[in-house]
């Protein structure tokens, strides 16, 4: 039986609480039998009733209490019911938790993970479907991660807590029901491997890529679909890079990726958020600075339309990034 991403994340939380008595999990409606809006905390409160804490409907209070636990020497994992509501905890995350790492005259460990179910394609409407990574970029002492179908979530959670600084974990809601370890996304045409914490998807029979895509975990299936169409319809081979840690992240700084990036015809970064001060733009700027002598074309960027996200699913598709959007960007970048 294939393990789904949501099940993997649930097992990771179970293992974390089992192995480390200093870990607390906090959030709205996370107790059994409900187990959270997306059932990621299912079974936790039954096994660990003293360390799985239901909270009032106040994201600022949840993040503040969790940051206090971390500051006092424990570890905390927060579930924000919908990632959009992380904006309500912005002050506690940015002005308290992130700054507490360094503002006391010495480095103070702040092992805190804030989980943010994100993204559209579920018909949840404008205030429950956003991808807000860009609003937390560049904050000293704050790291951003995203769930992918390639990275085991226990390993990711352990890594975030070991950093000793607050981390945001973005979880594309569509991924919860997708299989882990590339099943359902990577078929017989492709193979995948990891370089450091970056998953690399390439043609199974090797060969130099005509382009390289860089996407966060939530876009994996759309990116692979675009790669399949470009291969079968246009005879264009691609490579796909999927990092676990979004920020800080410099693909040109990963030694095993430099040769791949240097020999590609085009680099395209795609993301589900709207354009302007984004993760994709940050990655593109870094690539220009590090690989200016080898890049043959400017880095292409793909973002969602500058619009709120409609509730109707067919209208969502007109706003959010699709596999066809990525495919068009690659063709335009190579031949436009």
Protein backbone atom coordinates (compact mmCIF):
# COMPACT_ATOMS: atom_id res chain seq x y z
CA UNK A 1 0.00 0.00 0.00
CA UNK A 2 1.38 3.38 -0.99
CA UNK A 3 1.94 5.91 1.78
CA UNK A 4 0.40 9.29 1.17
CA UNK A 5 2.04 12.59 2.09
CA UNK A 6 -0.52 13.35 4.79
CA UNK A 7 0.02 9.93 6.36
CA UNK A 8 3.78 10.42 6.26
CA UNK A 9 3.44 13.77 8.01
CA UNK A 10 1.13 12.26 10.64
CA UNK A 11 3.61 9.44 11.30
CA UNK A 12 6.41 11.99 11.56
CA UNK A 13 4.56 13.87 14.28
CA UNK A 14 3.79 10.65 16.14
CA UNK A 15 7.46 9.67 16.02
CA UNK A 16 8.62 13.11 17.09
CA UNK A 17 6.38 13.15 20.16
CA UNK A 18 7.32 9.57 21.02
CA UNK A 19 11.06 10.14 20.79
CA UNK A 20 11.33 13.60 22.37
CA UNK A 21 9.37 14.38 25.57
CA UNK A 22 10.13 18.09 25.20
CA UNK A 23 7.99 18.43 22.05
CA UNK A 24 4.53 20.04 22.21
CA UNK A 25 1.96 20.29 19.42
CA UNK A 26 -0.51 23.19 19.51
CA UNK A 27 -3.39 24.24 17.29
CA UNK A 28 -7.11 24.72 16.75
CA UNK A 29 -9.30 21.60 16.67
CA UNK A 30 -6.31 19.26 16.63
CA UNK A 31 -7.59 16.91 19.34
CA UNK A 32 -9.16 13.53 18.64
CA UNK A 33 -11.54 12.44 17.33
CA UNK A 34 -11.41 15.40 14.90
CA UNK A 35 -7.63 15.36 14.48
CA UNK A 36 -7.28 18.69 12.72
CA UNK A 37 -8.90 20.15 9.62
CA UNK A 38 -6.81 17.88 7.37
CA UNK A 39 -6.40 15.00 9.87
CA UNK A 40 -2.64 15.47 10.13
CA UNK A 41 -2.79 15.39 13.95
CA UNK A 42 -5.06 12.34 14.08
CA UNK A 43 -4.26 10.08 17.04
CA UNK A 44 -1.75 12.44 18.65
CA UNK A 45 -3.88 13.64 21.56
CA UNK A 46 -4.95 10.11 22.42
CA UNK A 47 -1.31 8.98 22.74
CA UNK A 48 0.15 12.20 24.16
CA UNK A 49 -2.69 14.02 25.95
CA UNK A 50 -0.40 16.25 28.03
CA UNK A 51 1.61 17.55 25.06
CA UNK A 52 -1.03 17.98 22.36
CA UNK A 53 -2.85 21.16 23.23
CA UNK A 54 -6.06 22.55 21.72
CA UNK A 55 -6.03 26.33 21.59
CA UNK A 56 -8.50 29.20 21.25
CA UNK A 57 -9.14 30.68 17.80
CA UNK A 58 -6.21 33.11 17.93
CA UNK A 59 -3.22 32.50 15.68
CA UNK A 60 -1.26 35.24 17.43
CA UNK A 61 -1.83 33.60 20.80
CA UNK A 62 -0.94 30.13 19.46
CA UNK A 63 2.34 31.33 17.95
CA UNK A 64 3.15 33.40 21.04
CA UNK A 65 2.62 30.52 23.46
CA UNK A 66 4.60 28.16 21.23
CA UNK A 67 7.46 30.66 20.99
CA UNK A 68 7.39 30.98 24.77
CA UNK A 69 7.68 27.22 25.14
CA UNK A 70 10.64 27.21 22.76
CA UNK A 71 12.28 30.13 24.57
CA UNK A 72 11.91 28.26 27.87
CA UNK A 73 13.73 25.19 26.55
CA UNK A 74 11.00 23.01 25.07
CA UNK A 75 10.17 22.42 21.41
CA UNK A 76 6.90 23.39 19.76
CA UNK A 77 5.06 22.48 16.57
CA UNK A 78 2.13 24.74 15.69
CA UNK A 79 -0.64 23.90 13.26
CA UNK A 80 -2.17 26.94 11.57
CA UNK A 81 -5.50 25.62 10.30
CA UNK A 82 -5.11 27.42 6.96
CA UNK A 83 -1.78 28.96 6.01
CA UNK A 84 -3.53 32.21 5.13
CA UNK A 85 -4.04 32.77 8.86
CA UNK A 86 -0.29 32.89 9.47
CA UNK A 87 -0.70 36.58 8.65
CA UNK A 88 -2.53 36.89 11.98
CA UNK A 89 0.55 35.48 13.72
CA UNK A 90 3.01 37.62 11.78
CA UNK A 91 3.99 39.78 14.73
CA UNK A 92 4.70 36.84 17.04
CA UNK A 93 6.66 34.96 14.36
CA UNK A 94 8.68 37.87 12.95
CA UNK A 95 8.99 40.33 15.84
CA UNK A 96 9.21 37.89 18.74
CA UNK A 97 10.24 34.37 17.71
CA UNK A 98 12.72 35.19 14.93
CA UNK A 99 14.30 38.10 16.78
CA UNK A 100 14.62 36.15 20.02
CA UNK A 101 17.29 33.97 18.43
CA UNK A 102 19.81 36.84 18.51
CA UNK A 103 18.44 39.91 20.29
CA UNK A 104 19.50 38.91 23.81
CA UNK A 105 23.21 39.36 23.18
CA UNK A 106 23.91 35.69 22.46
CA UNK A 107 22.29 33.04 20.29
CA UNK A 108 19.24 31.62 22.04
CA UNK A 109 17.78 28.35 20.72
CA UNK A 110 14.18 28.75 19.48
CA UNK A 111 13.09 25.29 18.22
CA UNK A 112 9.70 26.20 16.77
CA UNK A 113 7.91 24.86 13.69
CA UNK A 114 4.82 26.60 12.33
CA UNK A 115 2.91 24.34 9.93
CA UNK A 116 0.93 26.17 7.23
CA UNK A 117 -1.49 24.23 4.98
CA UNK A 118 -1.39 26.31 1.81
CA UNK A 119 -2.47 26.62 -1.80
CA UNK A 120 -5.62 26.34 -3.88
CA UNK A 121 -7.23 23.75 -6.15
CA UNK A 122 -9.65 22.86 -3.36
CA UNK A 123 -12.37 25.46 -3.90
CA UNK A 124 -11.81 27.13 -0.51
CA UNK A 125 -11.90 30.69 -1.81
CA UNK A 126 -9.79 33.85 -1.53
CA UNK A 127 -8.88 33.72 2.19
CA UNK A 128 -8.22 29.98 2.51
CA UNK A 129 -6.18 29.22 -0.63
CA UNK A 130 -3.16 31.50 -0.69
CA UNK A 131 0.54 30.75 -0.84
CA UNK A 132 2.21 33.32 1.41
CA UNK A 133 5.89 32.32 1.38
CA UNK A 134 7.05 35.64 -0.02
CA UNK A 135 5.79 37.57 3.00
CA UNK A 136 8.25 35.75 5.29
CA UNK A 137 11.35 35.83 3.05
CA UNK A 138 14.54 37.46 4.23
CA UNK A 139 13.69 37.60 7.95
CA UNK A 140 16.90 36.98 9.95
CA UNK A 141 16.51 33.90 12.13
CA UNK A 142 13.53 32.52 10.20
CA UNK A 143 13.75 29.57 7.79
CA UNK A 144 11.14 28.44 5.26
CA UNK A 145 10.53 24.83 4.24
CA UNK A 146 7.90 23.18 2.04
CA UNK A 147 6.57 19.63 2.10
CA UNK A 148 7.42 17.64 -1.03
CA UNK A 149 6.50 14.12 -2.16
CA UNK A 150 10.21 13.22 -2.11
CA UNK A 151 11.33 14.23 1.40
CA UNK A 152 10.46 12.18 4.47
CA UNK A 153 8.72 14.54 6.87
CA UNK A 154 10.32 13.10 9.99
CA UNK A 155 13.73 13.96 8.59
CA UNK A 156 12.48 17.44 7.69
CA UNK A 157 10.95 18.08 11.14
CA UNK A 158 14.12 16.88 12.88
CA UNK A 159 16.19 19.18 10.71
CA UNK A 160 13.99 22.20 11.42
CA UNK A 161 14.05 21.68 15.17
CA UNK A 162 17.82 21.09 15.11
CA UNK A 163 18.33 24.51 13.52
CA UNK A 164 17.31 26.09 16.82
CA UNK A 165 15.36 28.86 15.11
CA UNK A 166 11.73 29.31 14.13
CA UNK A 167 10.76 27.64 10.86
CA UNK A 168 7.67 27.79 8.69
CA UNK A 169 6.62 24.55 7.00
CA UNK A 170 4.33 25.15 4.03
CA UNK A 171 2.16 22.17 3.11
CA UNK A 172 0.30 22.31 -0.18
CA UNK A 173 -3.11 20.89 0.69
CA UNK A 174 -3.36 18.96 -2.58
CA UNK A 175 -0.26 16.98 -1.60
CA UNK A 176 -1.90 15.42 1.46
CA UNK A 177 -3.61 12.76 -0.67
CA UNK A 178 -0.70 12.25 -3.07
CA UNK A 179 1.68 9.26 -2.73
CA UNK A 180 5.10 9.72 -1.18
CA UNK A 181 8.45 9.21 -2.90
CA UNK A 182 7.41 10.31 -6.37
CA UNK A 183 4.81 7.60 -6.99
CA UNK A 184 2.08 8.97 -9.22
CA UNK A 185 4.30 11.85 -10.36
CA UNK A 186 7.49 10.22 -11.62
CA UNK A 187 6.62 7.49 -14.13
CA UNK A 188 8.84 5.25 -16.27
CA UNK A 189 10.07 8.25 -18.30
CA UNK A 190 11.80 9.80 -15.30
CA UNK A 191 13.98 8.91 -12.35
CA UNK A 192 14.71 10.90 -9.21
CA UNK A 193 17.55 11.24 -6.75
CA UNK A 194 18.58 13.68 -4.02
CA UNK A 195 21.53 16.09 -3.95
CA UNK A 196 21.84 17.37 -0.38
CA UNK A 197 18.20 18.18 0.40
CA UNK A 198 17.22 18.88 -3.23
CA UNK A 199 15.24 16.25 -5.15
CA UNK A 200 16.35 16.01 -8.79
CA UNK A 201 13.99 14.53 -11.40
CA UNK A 202 15.56 13.69 -14.78
CA UNK A 203 15.02 11.46 -17.78
CA UNK A 204 15.46 7.83 -16.81
CA UNK A 205 17.87 7.24 -19.71
CA UNK A 206 20.05 10.25 -18.89
CA UNK A 207 21.23 12.90 -21.33
CA UNK A 208 21.73 16.64 -21.03
CA UNK A 209 18.57 18.65 -20.30
CA UNK A 210 17.35 21.41 -22.59
CA UNK A 211 15.95 23.26 -19.58
CA UNK A 212 15.79 23.03 -15.79
CA UNK A 213 12.71 23.71 -13.68
CA UNK A 214 12.96 24.77 -10.04
CA UNK A 215 9.73 24.50 -8.06
CA UNK A 216 8.55 24.10 -4.45
CA UNK A 217 6.94 20.83 -3.42
CA UNK A 218 3.37 21.78 -4.18
CA UNK A 219 4.11 22.20 -7.89
CA UNK A 220 5.86 18.86 -8.40
CA UNK A 221 3.01 17.08 -10.19
CA UNK A 222 2.25 20.04 -12.44
CA UNK A 223 5.96 20.44 -13.27
CA UNK A 224 6.41 16.76 -14.11
CA UNK A 225 3.26 16.86 -16.25
CA UNK A 226 4.74 19.81 -18.16
CA UNK A 227 8.04 17.95 -18.57
CA UNK A 228 6.25 14.90 -19.96
CA UNK A 229 4.35 16.99 -22.51
CA UNK A 230 7.48 18.89 -23.56
CA UNK A 231 9.30 15.62 -24.09
CA UNK A 232 6.58 13.79 -26.01
CA UNK A 233 5.29 16.74 -28.06
CA UNK A 234 8.44 18.84 -28.58
CA UNK A 235 11.33 16.41 -27.95
CA UNK A 236 12.65 18.66 -25.17
CA UNK A 237 14.29 16.98 -22.19
CA UNK A 238 14.10 18.66 -18.82
CA UNK A 239 15.39 18.39 -15.27
CA UNK A 240 13.44 19.34 -12.16
CA UNK A 241 14.87 20.60 -8.85
CA UNK A 242 12.66 20.47 -5.74
CA UNK A 243 14.24 21.80 -2.53
CA UNK A 244 12.97 20.94 0.92
CA UNK A 245 14.29 24.18 2.40
CA UNK A 246 13.05 27.17 0.44
CA UNK A 247 14.90 29.88 2.32
CA UNK A 248 17.80 30.22 2.63
CA UNK A 249 18.31 28.35 -0.66
CA UNK A 250 20.91 28.88 -3.37
CA UNK A 251 20.83 26.13 -6.02
CA UNK A 252 24.12 27.34 -7.46
CA UNK A 253 25.66 26.85 -4.03
CA UNK A 254 24.92 23.11 -4.05
CA UNK A 255 28.06 21.57 -5.64
CA UNK A 256 26.29 18.68 -7.33
CA UNK A 257 23.83 20.99 -9.06
CA UNK A 258 26.28 23.43 -10.63
CA UNK A 259 27.16 21.18 -13.62
CA UNK A 260 23.49 20.51 -14.28
CA UNK A 261 22.58 24.20 -14.20
CA UNK A 262 25.61 25.18 -16.26
CA UNK A 263 24.78 22.91 -19.20
CA UNK A 264 21.06 23.61 -19.39
CA UNK A 265 19.59 25.89 -22.04
CA UNK A 266 17.08 27.59 -19.77
CA UNK A 267 16.31 27.80 -16.06
CA UNK A 268 12.68 28.37 -15.13
CA UNK A 269 11.44 28.94 -11.57
CA UNK A 270 7.71 28.39 -10.98
CA UNK A 271 5.66 29.08 -7.85
CA UNK A 272 2.00 29.37 -6.90
CA UNK A 273 2.13 32.80 -5.27
CA UNK A 274 1.66 36.09 -7.08
CA UNK A 275 4.63 37.91 -8.59
CA UNK A 276 6.56 40.64 -6.79
CA UNK A 277 9.22 40.07 -4.13
CA UNK A 278 8.89 36.30 -4.39
CA UNK A 279 10.92 33.20 -3.63
CA UNK A 280 11.30 32.62 -7.38
CA UNK A 281 12.70 36.10 -7.93
CA UNK A 282 15.14 35.59 -5.06
CA UNK A 283 16.34 32.29 -6.56
CA UNK A 284 16.65 33.86 -10.01
CA UNK A 285 18.72 36.76 -8.68
CA UNK A 286 21.08 34.34 -6.98
CA UNK A 287 21.47 32.28 -10.14
CA UNK A 288 22.25 35.35 -12.22
CA UNK A 289 24.97 36.37 -9.77
CA UNK A 290 26.53 32.93 -9.45
CA UNK A 291 26.16 31.57 -13.01
CA UNK A 292 26.23 34.68 -15.17
CA UNK A 293 29.08 33.34 -17.27
CA UNK A 294 27.30 30.06 -18.11
CA UNK A 295 23.59 30.91 -18.31
CA UNK A 296 22.58 31.18 -21.95
CA UNK A 297 19.27 32.95 -21.28
CA UNK A 298 17.70 34.98 -18.46
CA UNK A 299 15.97 32.87 -15.81
CA UNK A 300 12.26 32.54 -16.62
CA UNK A 301 9.73 33.13 -13.84
CA UNK A 302 6.22 31.69 -13.53
CA UNK A 303 3.76 32.96 -10.91
CA UNK A 304 0.03 33.01 -10.33
CA UNK A 305 -2.11 35.76 -11.81
CA UNK A 306 -2.36 39.05 -9.83
CA UNK A 307 -5.79 38.20 -8.49
CA UNK A 308 -7.60 36.83 -5.49
CA UNK A 309 -8.21 33.09 -5.74
CA UNK A 310 -11.82 32.36 -6.73
CA UNK A 311 -13.90 29.73 -4.97
CA UNK A 312 -15.10 27.99 -8.14
CA UNK A 313 -12.53 25.37 -9.09
CA UNK A 314 -12.73 26.10 -12.82
CA UNK A 315 -11.97 29.76 -12.08
CA UNK A 316 -9.12 28.79 -9.76
CA UNK A 317 -7.42 27.17 -12.74
CA UNK A 318 -7.41 30.50 -14.58
CA UNK A 319 -5.52 32.16 -11.72
CA UNK A 320 -3.15 29.50 -10.34
CA UNK A 321 -0.13 28.05 -12.12
CA UNK A 322 -0.96 25.03 -14.31
CA UNK A 323 1.22 22.51 -16.12
CA UNK A 324 0.32 24.31 -19.35
CA UNK A 325 1.59 27.60 -17.87
CA UNK A 326 4.95 26.04 -17.10
CA UNK A 327 5.13 24.40 -20.51
CA UNK A 328 4.42 27.69 -22.28
CA UNK A 329 7.07 29.51 -20.24
CA UNK A 330 9.71 26.93 -21.20
CA UNK A 331 8.82 27.07 -24.89
CA UNK A 332 8.85 30.85 -24.89
CA UNK A 333 12.14 30.94 -23.01
CA UNK A 334 13.82 28.52 -25.40
CA UNK A 335 12.38 29.73 -28.67
CA UNK A 336 10.77 33.11 -28.03
